[in-house]
N, C-alpha and C. Protein backbone atom coordinates (compact mmCIF):
# COMPACT_ATOMS: atom_id res chain seq x y z
N MET A 1 0.84 -1.19 0.00
CA MET A 1 0.00 0.00 0.00
C MET A 1 0.88 1.24 0.00
N MET A 2 0.66 2.10 -0.95
CA MET A 2 1.46 3.31 -1.07
C MET A 2 0.76 4.46 -0.33
N MET A 3 1.55 5.19 0.45
CA MET A 3 0.97 6.33 1.16
C MET A 3 0.74 7.50 0.21
N TYR A 4 1.74 7.82 -0.58
CA TYR A 4 1.64 8.88 -1.56
C TYR A 4 2.10 8.33 -2.89
N PRO A 5 1.18 7.99 -3.79
CA PRO A 5 1.60 7.33 -5.03
C PRO A 5 2.47 8.19 -5.93
N TYR A 6 2.36 9.50 -5.85
CA TYR A 6 3.17 10.35 -6.72
C TYR A 6 4.60 10.49 -6.19
N ILE A 7 4.84 10.20 -4.91
CA ILE A 7 6.19 10.25 -4.36
C ILE A 7 6.80 8.86 -4.30
N LYS A 8 6.00 7.83 -4.39
CA LYS A 8 6.43 6.43 -4.35
C LYS A 8 7.02 6.06 -3.00
N LEU A 9 6.33 6.44 -1.90
CA LEU A 9 6.75 6.07 -0.56
C LEU A 9 5.89 4.92 -0.07
N GLY A 10 6.54 3.92 0.49
CA GLY A 10 5.84 2.78 1.06
C GLY A 10 6.02 2.77 2.57
N PRO A 11 5.51 1.74 3.22
CA PRO A 11 5.63 1.66 4.68
C PRO A 11 7.07 1.55 5.16
N ARG A 12 7.92 0.86 4.39
CA ARG A 12 9.33 0.75 4.80
C ARG A 12 10.03 2.10 4.74
N ASP A 13 9.69 2.90 3.74
CA ASP A 13 10.27 4.24 3.65
C ASP A 13 9.75 5.14 4.77
N GLY A 14 8.52 4.92 5.18
CA GLY A 14 7.97 5.67 6.31
C GLY A 14 8.71 5.36 7.60
N ILE A 15 9.05 4.09 7.80
CA ILE A 15 9.80 3.71 8.99
C ILE A 15 11.19 4.33 8.96
N LEU A 16 11.80 4.37 7.79
CA LEU A 16 13.12 5.01 7.66
C LEU A 16 13.02 6.50 7.95
N LEU A 17 11.99 7.16 7.47
CA LEU A 17 11.82 8.59 7.74
C LEU A 17 11.56 8.86 9.22
N ILE A 18 10.79 7.98 9.87
CA ILE A 18 10.54 8.13 11.30
C ILE A 18 11.84 7.98 12.09
N SER A 19 12.68 7.01 11.71
CA SER A 19 13.94 6.83 12.44
C SER A 19 14.88 8.00 12.22
N VAL A 20 14.89 8.57 11.02
CA VAL A 20 15.71 9.75 10.76
C VAL A 20 15.21 10.94 11.58
N SER A 21 13.89 11.09 11.69
CA SER A 21 13.36 12.19 12.49
C SER A 21 13.65 12.00 13.97
N ILE A 22 13.67 10.74 14.44
CA ILE A 22 14.04 10.48 15.83
C ILE A 22 15.50 10.88 16.06
N MET A 23 16.38 10.57 15.11
CA MET A 23 17.77 10.98 15.23
C MET A 23 17.91 12.50 15.25
N LEU A 24 17.08 13.18 14.47
CA LEU A 24 17.11 14.65 14.46
C LEU A 24 16.68 15.20 15.81
N VAL A 25 15.64 14.62 16.40
CA VAL A 25 15.18 15.06 17.73
C VAL A 25 16.25 14.80 18.78
N LEU A 26 16.88 13.62 18.72
CA LEU A 26 17.95 13.32 19.67
C LEU A 26 19.12 14.29 19.51
N THR A 27 19.39 14.67 18.28
CA THR A 27 20.46 15.64 18.03
C THR A 27 20.13 16.98 18.67
N LEU A 28 18.91 17.40 18.54
CA LEU A 28 18.52 18.70 19.10
C LEU A 28 18.43 18.67 20.62
N VAL A 29 17.95 17.57 21.19
CA VAL A 29 17.76 17.48 22.64
C VAL A 29 19.10 17.35 23.36
N PHE A 30 19.98 16.47 22.85
CA PHE A 30 21.23 16.18 23.54
C PHE A 30 22.42 16.96 22.98
N ASN A 31 22.16 17.91 22.11
CA ASN A 31 23.20 18.78 21.54
C ASN A 31 24.34 18.00 20.90
N TRP A 32 23.97 17.03 20.08
CA TRP A 32 24.97 16.28 19.33
C TRP A 32 25.60 17.18 18.28
N SER A 33 26.79 16.84 17.88
CA SER A 33 27.43 17.58 16.80
C SER A 33 26.89 17.07 15.46
N VAL A 34 27.28 17.76 14.41
CA VAL A 34 26.83 17.38 13.07
C VAL A 34 27.38 16.02 12.71
N TRP A 35 28.62 15.73 13.11
CA TRP A 35 29.25 14.45 12.78
C TRP A 35 28.54 13.29 13.48
N GLU A 36 28.09 13.50 14.71
CA GLU A 36 27.33 12.44 15.40
C GLU A 36 25.99 12.21 14.72
N PHE A 37 25.36 13.29 14.28
CA PHE A 37 24.08 13.16 13.57
C PHE A 37 24.26 12.41 12.26
N VAL A 38 25.28 12.78 11.49
CA VAL A 38 25.51 12.14 10.20
C VAL A 38 25.89 10.68 10.38
N SER A 39 26.73 10.38 11.37
CA SER A 39 27.12 8.98 11.59
C SER A 39 25.95 8.14 12.06
N SER A 40 25.05 8.70 12.86
CA SER A 40 23.88 7.93 13.29
C SER A 40 22.93 7.69 12.12
N ILE A 41 22.78 8.66 11.24
CA ILE A 41 21.91 8.48 10.07
C ILE A 41 22.51 7.44 9.12
N VAL A 42 23.82 7.48 8.94
CA VAL A 42 24.47 6.49 8.08
C VAL A 42 24.30 5.09 8.68
N ALA A 43 24.41 4.98 10.00
CA ALA A 43 24.23 3.67 10.65
C ALA A 43 22.80 3.17 10.48
N VAL A 44 21.83 4.05 10.57
CA VAL A 44 20.43 3.66 10.38
C VAL A 44 20.19 3.21 8.95
N ILE A 45 20.75 3.91 7.98
CA ILE A 45 20.56 3.55 6.58
C ILE A 45 21.24 2.22 6.26
N ILE A 46 22.44 2.00 6.82
CA ILE A 46 23.13 0.72 6.60
C ILE A 46 22.34 -0.42 7.22
N ALA A 47 21.84 -0.22 8.42
CA ALA A 47 21.05 -1.27 9.08
C ALA A 47 19.75 -1.53 8.32
N PHE A 48 19.14 -0.48 7.80
CA PHE A 48 17.90 -0.63 7.04
C PHE A 48 18.13 -1.40 5.75
N SER A 49 19.21 -1.08 5.05
CA SER A 49 19.49 -1.79 3.81
C SER A 49 19.98 -3.21 4.06
N ALA A 50 20.71 -3.44 5.14
CA ALA A 50 21.18 -4.79 5.45
C ALA A 50 20.03 -5.68 5.90
N GLY A 51 19.02 -5.11 6.47
CA GLY A 51 17.87 -5.90 6.90
C GLY A 51 17.03 -6.40 5.75
N HIS A 52 17.19 -5.81 4.58
CA HIS A 52 16.40 -6.20 3.43
C HIS A 52 17.22 -6.96 2.38
N MET A 53 18.44 -7.33 2.73
CA MET A 53 19.25 -8.09 1.79
C MET A 53 18.72 -9.51 1.70
N LYS A 54 18.70 -10.04 0.51
CA LYS A 54 18.20 -11.39 0.30
C LYS A 54 19.30 -12.39 0.66
N SER A 55 18.95 -13.34 1.51
CA SER A 55 19.95 -14.32 1.91
C SER A 55 20.03 -15.44 0.88
N ASN A 56 21.19 -16.04 0.81
CA ASN A 56 21.41 -17.17 -0.08
C ASN A 56 21.01 -18.43 0.69
N GLU A 57 19.84 -18.96 0.41
CA GLU A 57 19.30 -20.07 1.20
C GLU A 57 20.05 -21.38 0.96
N LYS A 58 20.78 -21.46 -0.14
CA LYS A 58 21.51 -22.71 -0.41
C LYS A 58 22.66 -22.89 0.57
N ASN A 59 23.30 -21.83 0.98
CA ASN A 59 24.49 -21.93 1.83
C ASN A 59 24.22 -21.70 3.31
N VAL A 60 22.99 -21.38 3.68
CA VAL A 60 22.70 -21.06 5.07
C VAL A 60 22.87 -22.28 5.97
N LEU A 61 22.34 -23.41 5.58
CA LEU A 61 22.42 -24.62 6.40
C LEU A 61 23.27 -25.70 5.74
N ALA A 62 24.26 -25.29 4.99
CA ALA A 62 25.09 -26.25 4.27
C ALA A 62 25.89 -27.13 5.21
N PHE A 63 26.28 -26.60 6.36
CA PHE A 63 27.08 -27.39 7.29
C PHE A 63 26.25 -28.49 7.96
N LEU A 64 24.94 -28.37 7.98
CA LEU A 64 24.11 -29.40 8.60
C LEU A 64 23.87 -30.59 7.67
N LYS A 65 23.99 -30.38 6.38
CA LYS A 65 23.71 -31.44 5.42
C LYS A 65 24.84 -32.43 5.31
N LYS A 66 26.03 -32.09 5.79
CA LYS A 66 27.17 -33.00 5.66
C LYS A 66 27.19 -34.05 6.73
């Protein structure tokens, strides 16, 4: 289900935007520097993209088959 079809945002993108806004609020509340803000956003984006990587199911349990 698309929230805004002309922007092409889905629920996963909404979660990413919410997490980025939480990092912005934490930056403002705890007076983080720009580098801390950027590094936290990069970490969130890396975690978000790594969570959606497709696993290779052939090699996941290969050690159990032997």
